[in-house]
Amino acid sequence: MALAGLALAGCVAHPPPRPVQRVYNEAPPPPPSPDVYAYPLHGQTPQQQDRDHYECSQWATQQTGFDPSAPGVPPHERVRVVSAGPPPGTGTAVGAVTGAIIGAAISRPWEAATGALAGAVVGGAIGNAADAANAQDAHAVVVNDRRQAAAQEQKAANYRRAIGACLDARGYSVR
């Protein structure tokens, strides 16, 4: 039995580094100012300015598919609660213990130590695979959130360019 314990001790390895899981997504660098400033170059009246701004806003929304007045929270300000789960290596340890118990139980009585050892190795390998899959899933969540934030910022930048082009064509100095 001591030999089986010694053999099991040799199977212990340091778990892979645990990915950092945050409750709040990290904010990307601040985007360019969302405001578009337009100065009337041809003495447009306040009513004409309002109408031009409205029509250019509608046109920019149609061109880009981005509506800055639509409800919604920017992706980098959303809160996502991520379950931390068990500490790294738990799946490996649980798999090894479970495998050892099952291996000892299904083997012949005089080969219980060998059965436990074989079960521990197989169970540990299965548990390690489960730990790796959990880490990969957590990483995929972070990558997806960053991708969505970048896409949203790109749509907003395209909208600002479109409304600026429209106002420029209508006789405004746009910044």
C-alpha atoms as a PDB file:
ATOM      1  CA  MET A   1       0.000   0.000   0.000  1.00  0.00           C
ATOM      2  CA  ALA A   2       2.894   2.350   0.743  1.00  0.00           C
ATOM      3  CA  LEU A   3       4.184   1.642  -2.742  1.00  0.00           C
ATOM      4  CA  ALA A   4       0.837   2.701  -4.222  1.00  0.00           C
ATOM      5  CA  GLY A   5       0.910   5.916  -2.194  1.00  0.00           C
ATOM      6  CA  LEU A   6       4.436   6.651  -3.361  1.00  0.00           C
ATOM      7  CA  ALA A   7       3.445   5.975  -6.965  1.00  0.00           C
ATOM      8  CA  LEU A   8       0.441   8.286  -6.634  1.00  0.00           C
ATOM      9  CA  ALA A   9       2.629  11.035  -5.184  1.00  0.00           C
ATOM     10  CA  GLY A  10       4.728  10.901  -8.340  1.00  0.00           C
ATOM     11  CA  CYS A  11       1.630  11.747 -10.410  1.00  0.00           C
ATOM     12  CA  VAL A  12       1.134  15.088  -8.697  1.00  0.00           C
ATOM     13  CA  ALA A  13       1.940  18.058 -10.904  1.00  0.00           C
ATOM     14  CA  HIS A  14       1.483  21.754 -10.436  1.00  0.00           C
ATOM     15  CA  PRO A  15      -1.804  22.867 -11.982  1.00  0.00           C
ATOM     16  CA  PRO A  16      -1.695  25.262 -14.917  1.00  0.00           C
ATOM     17  CA  PRO A  17      -1.926  28.938 -13.988  1.00  0.00           C
ATOM     18  CA  ARG A  18      -5.506  29.941 -13.357  1.00  0.00           C
ATOM     19  CA  PRO A  19      -6.878  32.587 -15.691  1.00  0.00           C
ATOM     20  CA  VAL A  20      -7.902  35.774 -13.960  1.00  0.00           C
ATOM     21  CA  GLN A  21     -11.653  36.171 -13.925  1.00  0.00           C
ATOM     22  CA  ARG A  22     -13.031  39.613 -13.288  1.00  0.00           C
ATOM     23  CA  VAL A  23     -16.532  40.614 -12.353  1.00  0.00           C
ATOM     24  CA  TYR A  24     -16.186  43.816 -14.391  1.00  0.00           C
ATOM     25  CA  ASN A  25     -14.728  43.828 -17.862  1.00  0.00           C
ATOM     26  CA  GLU A  26     -11.654  45.971 -18.247  1.00  0.00           C
ATOM     27  CA  ALA A  27     -12.476  49.240 -19.940  1.00  0.00           C
ATOM     28  CA  PRO A  28     -10.734  49.762 -23.256  1.00  0.00           C
ATOM     29  CA  PRO A  29      -8.860  52.997 -23.830  1.00  0.00           C
ATOM     30  CA  PRO A  30     -11.236  55.925 -24.092  1.00  0.00           C
ATOM     31  CA  PRO A  31     -12.709  56.240 -27.570  1.00  0.00           C
ATOM     32  CA  PRO A  32     -12.586  59.483 -29.497  1.00  0.00           C
ATOM     33  CA  SER A  33     -15.104  62.005 -28.282  1.00  0.00           C
ATOM     34  CA  PRO A  34     -18.627  60.916 -29.200  1.00  0.00           C
ATOM     35  CA  ASP A  35     -19.592  64.523 -29.809  1.00  0.00           C
ATOM     36  CA  VAL A  36     -19.541  65.987 -33.290  1.00  0.00           C
ATOM     37  CA  TYR A  37     -19.256  69.751 -33.324  1.00  0.00           C
ATOM     38  CA  ALA A  38     -20.525  71.630 -36.347  1.00  0.00           C
ATOM     39  CA  TYR A  39     -20.194  75.368 -36.916  1.00  0.00           C
ATOM     40  CA  PRO A  40     -22.498  76.950 -39.514  1.00  0.00           C
ATOM     41  CA  LEU A  41     -20.354  78.559 -42.240  1.00  0.00           C
ATOM     42  CA  HIS A  42     -23.206  80.096 -44.241  1.00  0.00           C
ATOM     43  CA  GLY A  43     -25.313  81.746 -41.522  1.00  0.00           C
ATOM     44  CA  GLN A  44     -27.786  78.894 -41.133  1.00  0.00           C
ATOM     45  CA  THR A  45     -30.592  79.707 -38.680  1.00  0.00           C
ATOM     46  CA  PRO A  46     -30.980  77.691 -35.465  1.00  0.00           C
ATOM     47  CA  GLN A  47     -34.040  76.001 -36.994  1.00  0.00           C
ATOM     48  CA  GLN A  48     -32.044  75.057 -40.108  1.00  0.00           C
ATOM     49  CA  GLN A  49     -29.192  73.782 -37.909  1.00  0.00           C
ATOM     50  CA  ASP A  50     -31.606  71.574 -35.952  1.00  0.00           C
ATOM     51  CA  ARG A  51     -33.131  70.232 -39.164  1.00  0.00           C
ATOM     52  CA  ASP A  52     -29.724  69.568 -40.742  1.00  0.00           C
ATOM     53  CA  HIS A  53     -28.479  67.824 -37.615  1.00  0.00           C
ATOM     54  CA  TYR A  54     -31.612  65.650 -37.443  1.00  0.00           C
ATOM     55  CA  GLU A  55     -31.498  64.708 -41.134  1.00  0.00           C
ATOM     56  CA  CYS A  56     -27.758  64.001 -41.026  1.00  0.00           C
ATOM     57  CA  SER A  57     -28.225  61.894 -37.905  1.00  0.00           C
ATOM     58  CA  GLN A  58     -30.929  59.866 -39.658  1.00  0.00           C
ATOM     59  CA  TRP A  59     -28.748  59.459 -42.742  1.00  0.00           C
ATOM     60  CA  ALA A  60     -25.690  58.417 -40.704  1.00  0.00           C
ATOM     61  CA  THR A  61     -27.797  55.848 -38.828  1.00  0.00           C
ATOM     62  CA  GLN A  62     -29.071  54.405 -42.117  1.00  0.00           C
ATOM     63  CA  GLN A  63     -25.553  54.264 -43.558  1.00  0.00           C
ATOM     64  CA  THR A  64     -23.840  52.685 -40.552  1.00  0.00           C
ATOM     65  CA  GLY A  65     -26.576  50.771 -38.733  1.00  0.00           C
ATOM     66  CA  PHE A  66     -25.524  52.506 -35.510  1.00  0.00           C
ATOM     67  CA  ASP A  67     -28.042  54.573 -33.558  1.00  0.00           C
ATOM     68  CA  PRO A  68     -26.437  56.539 -30.722  1.00  0.00           C
ATOM     69  CA  SER A  69     -29.852  57.244 -29.200  1.00  0.00           C
ATOM     70  CA  ALA A  70     -30.765  53.539 -28.940  1.00  0.00           C
ATOM     71  CA  PRO A  71     -30.934  52.184 -25.404  1.00  0.00           C
ATOM     72  CA  GLY A  72     -28.142  49.929 -24.339  1.00  0.00           C
ATOM     73  CA  VAL A  73     -25.026  49.831 -22.292  1.00  0.00           C
ATOM     74  CA  PRO A  74     -21.646  49.904 -24.023  1.00  0.00           C
ATOM     75  CA  PRO A  75     -19.999  46.470 -23.790  1.00  0.00           C
ATOM     76  CA  HIS A  76     -17.128  47.680 -21.608  1.00  0.00           C
ATOM     77  CA  GLU A  77     -19.601  49.022 -19.031  1.00  0.00           C
ATOM     78  CA  ARG A  78     -21.667  45.822 -18.798  1.00  0.00           C
ATOM     79  CA  VAL A  79     -21.385  43.756 -15.675  1.00  0.00           C
ATOM     80  CA  ARG A  80     -21.028  40.024 -16.074  1.00  0.00           C
ATOM     81  CA  VAL A  81     -20.816  37.876 -12.980  1.00  0.00           C
ATOM     82  CA  VAL A  82     -18.538  34.951 -13.719  1.00  0.00           C
ATOM     83  CA  SER A  83     -18.568  31.986 -11.385  1.00  0.00           C
ATOM     84  CA  ALA A  84     -15.033  31.492 -10.154  1.00  0.00           C
ATOM     85  CA  GLY A  85     -15.479  27.742  -9.856  1.00  0.00           C
ATOM     86  CA  PRO A  86     -13.179  25.446  -7.942  1.00  0.00           C
ATOM     87  CA  PRO A  87      -9.485  26.219  -7.639  1.00  0.00           C
ATOM     88  CA  PRO A  88      -7.199  24.915 -10.370  1.00  0.00           C
ATOM     89  CA  GLY A  89      -6.243  21.285 -10.042  1.00  0.00           C
ATOM     90  CA  THR A  90      -9.471  20.316  -8.298  1.00  0.00           C
ATOM     91  CA  GLY A  91     -10.636  18.264 -11.265  1.00  0.00           C
ATOM     92  CA  THR A  92      -7.324  16.433 -11.363  1.00  0.00           C
ATOM     93  CA  ALA A  93      -7.400  15.654  -7.639  1.00  0.00           C
ATOM     94  CA  VAL A  94     -11.052  14.599  -7.599  1.00  0.00           C
ATOM     95  CA  GLY A  95     -10.522  12.472 -10.704  1.00  0.00           C
ATOM     96  CA  ALA A  96      -7.479  10.761  -9.183  1.00  0.00           C
ATOM     97  CA  VAL A  97      -9.231   9.989  -5.888  1.00  0.00           C
ATOM     98  CA  THR A  98     -12.390   8.784  -7.610  1.00  0.00           C
ATOM     99  CA  GLY A  99     -10.371   6.706 -10.060  1.00  0.00           C
ATOM    100  CA  ALA A 100      -8.355   5.150  -7.220  1.00  0.00           C
ATOM    101  CA  ILE A 101     -11.517   4.187  -5.331  1.00  0.00           C
ATOM    102  CA  ILE A 102     -13.181   2.723  -8.410  1.00  0.00           C
ATOM    103  CA  GLY A 103      -9.977   0.984  -9.510  1.00  0.00           C
ATOM    104  CA  ALA A 104      -9.538  -0.626  -6.091  1.00  0.00           C
ATOM    105  CA  ALA A 105     -13.209  -1.633  -5.947  1.00  0.00           C
ATOM    106  CA  ILE A 106     -13.346  -3.359  -9.329  1.00  0.00           C
ATOM    107  CA  SER A 107      -9.995  -5.138  -9.133  1.00  0.00           C
ATOM    108  CA  ARG A 108      -9.333  -8.517  -7.503  1.00  0.00           C
ATOM    109  CA  PRO A 109      -8.750  -8.243  -3.750  1.00  0.00           C
ATOM    110  CA  TRP A 110      -5.046  -9.121  -4.003  1.00  0.00           C
ATOM    111  CA  GLU A 111      -4.574  -6.521  -6.804  1.00  0.00           C
ATOM    112  CA  ALA A 112      -6.389  -3.623  -5.114  1.00  0.00           C
ATOM    113  CA  ALA A 113      -3.262  -1.451  -4.950  1.00  0.00           C
ATOM    114  CA  THR A 114      -2.560  -1.909  -8.653  1.00  0.00           C
ATOM    115  CA  GLY A 115      -6.212  -1.207  -9.478  1.00  0.00           C
ATOM    116  CA  ALA A 116      -6.162   1.911  -7.313  1.00  0.00           C
ATOM    117  CA  LEU A 117      -2.998   3.136  -8.999  1.00  0.00           C
ATOM    118  CA  ALA A 118      -4.358   2.553 -12.498  1.00  0.00           C
ATOM    119  CA  GLY A 119      -7.670   4.185 -11.575  1.00  0.00           C
ATOM    120  CA  ALA A 120      -5.897   7.190 -10.064  1.00  0.00           C
ATOM    121  CA  VAL A 121      -3.828   7.748 -13.193  1.00  0.00           C
ATOM    122  CA  VAL A 122      -6.830   7.496 -15.521  1.00  0.00           C
ATOM    123  CA  GLY A 123      -9.061   9.579 -13.231  1.00  0.00           C
ATOM    124  CA  GLY A 124      -6.381  12.240 -12.834  1.00  0.00           C
ATOM    125  CA  ALA A 125      -5.973  12.519 -16.591  1.00  0.00           C
ATOM    126  CA  ILE A 126      -9.725  12.917 -17.060  1.00  0.00           C
ATOM    127  CA  GLY A 127      -9.907  15.521 -14.275  1.00  0.00           C
ATOM    128  CA  ASN A 128      -6.992  17.440 -15.780  1.00  0.00           C
ATOM    129  CA  ALA A 129      -8.787  17.561 -19.123  1.00  0.00           C
ATOM    130  CA  ALA A 130     -11.872  18.970 -17.381  1.00  0.00           C
ATOM    131  CA  ASP A 131      -9.736  21.650 -15.669  1.00  0.00           C
ATOM    132  CA  ALA A 132      -8.214  22.646 -19.013  1.00  0.00           C
ATOM    133  CA  ALA A 133     -11.658  22.885 -20.641  1.00  0.00           C
ATOM    134  CA  ASN A 134     -12.907  25.169 -17.840  1.00  0.00           C
ATOM    135  CA  ALA A 135      -9.895  27.469 -18.259  1.00  0.00           C
ATOM    136  CA  GLN A 136     -10.444  27.594 -22.008  1.00  0.00           C
ATOM    137  CA  ASP A 137     -14.128  28.507 -21.537  1.00  0.00           C
ATOM    138  CA  ALA A 138     -13.224  31.382 -19.196  1.00  0.00           C
ATOM    139  CA  HIS A 139     -10.701  32.702 -21.722  1.00  0.00           C
ATOM    140  CA  ALA A 140     -13.295  32.514 -24.521  1.00  0.00           C
ATOM    141  CA  VAL A 141     -15.695  34.706 -22.501  1.00  0.00           C
ATOM    142  CA  VAL A 142     -13.052  37.419 -22.095  1.00  0.00           C
ATOM    143  CA  VAL A 143     -12.064  37.314 -25.775  1.00  0.00           C
ATOM    144  CA  ASN A 144     -15.708  37.523 -26.888  1.00  0.00           C
ATOM    145  CA  ASP A 145     -16.399  40.548 -24.654  1.00  0.00           C
ATOM    146  CA  ARG A 146     -13.367  42.378 -26.033  1.00  0.00           C
ATOM    147  CA  ARG A 147     -14.391  41.571 -29.598  1.00  0.00           C
ATOM    148  CA  GLN A 148     -17.904  42.940 -29.009  1.00  0.00           C
ATOM    149  CA  ALA A 149     -16.537  46.130 -27.439  1.00  0.00           C
ATOM    150  CA  ALA A 150     -14.218  46.707 -30.406  1.00  0.00           C
ATOM    151  CA  ALA A 151     -17.058  46.168 -32.890  1.00  0.00           C
ATOM    152  CA  GLN A 152     -19.294  48.617 -31.006  1.00  0.00           C
ATOM    153  CA  GLU A 153     -16.565  51.268 -30.930  1.00  0.00           C
ATOM    154  CA  GLN A 154     -15.962  50.808 -34.669  1.00  0.00           C
ATOM    155  CA  LYS A 155     -19.664  51.310 -35.406  1.00  0.00           C
ATOM    156  CA  ALA A 156     -19.686  54.485 -33.302  1.00  0.00           C
ATOM    157  CA  ALA A 157     -16.600  55.807 -35.126  1.00  0.00           C
ATOM    158  CA  ASN A 158     -18.233  55.092 -38.499  1.00  0.00           C
ATOM    159  CA  TYR A 159     -21.368  56.936 -37.366  1.00  0.00           C
ATOM    160  CA  ARG A 160     -19.320  59.989 -36.302  1.00  0.00           C
ATOM    161  CA  ARG A 161     -17.564  60.029 -39.687  1.00  0.00           C
ATOM    162  CA  ALA A 162     -20.867  59.710 -41.569  1.00  0.00           C
ATOM    163  CA  ILE A 163     -22.653  62.489 -39.701  1.00  0.00           C
ATOM    164  CA  GLY A 164     -19.577  64.684 -40.074  1.00  0.00           C
ATOM    165  CA  ALA A 165     -19.506  64.107 -43.832  1.00  0.00           C
ATOM    166  CA  CYS A 166     -23.195  64.951 -44.125  1.00  0.00           C
ATOM    167  CA  LEU A 167     -22.898  68.158 -42.102  1.00  0.00           C
ATOM    168  CA  ASP A 168     -19.765  69.143 -44.014  1.00  0.00           C
ATOM    169  CA  ALA A 169     -21.661  68.748 -47.291  1.00  0.00           C
ATOM    170  CA  ARG A 170     -24.412  71.008 -45.924  1.00  0.00           C
ATOM    171  CA  GLY A 171     -22.051  73.874 -45.213  1.00  0.00           C
ATOM    172  CA  TYR A 172     -20.769  73.300 -41.684  1.00  0.00           C
ATOM    173  CA  SER A 173     -17.250  73.204 -40.331  1.00  0.00           C
ATOM    174  CA  VAL A 174     -17.136  69.870 -38.511  1.00  0.00           C
ATOM    175  CA  ARG A 175     -14.754  68.817 -35.733  1.00  0.00           C
END
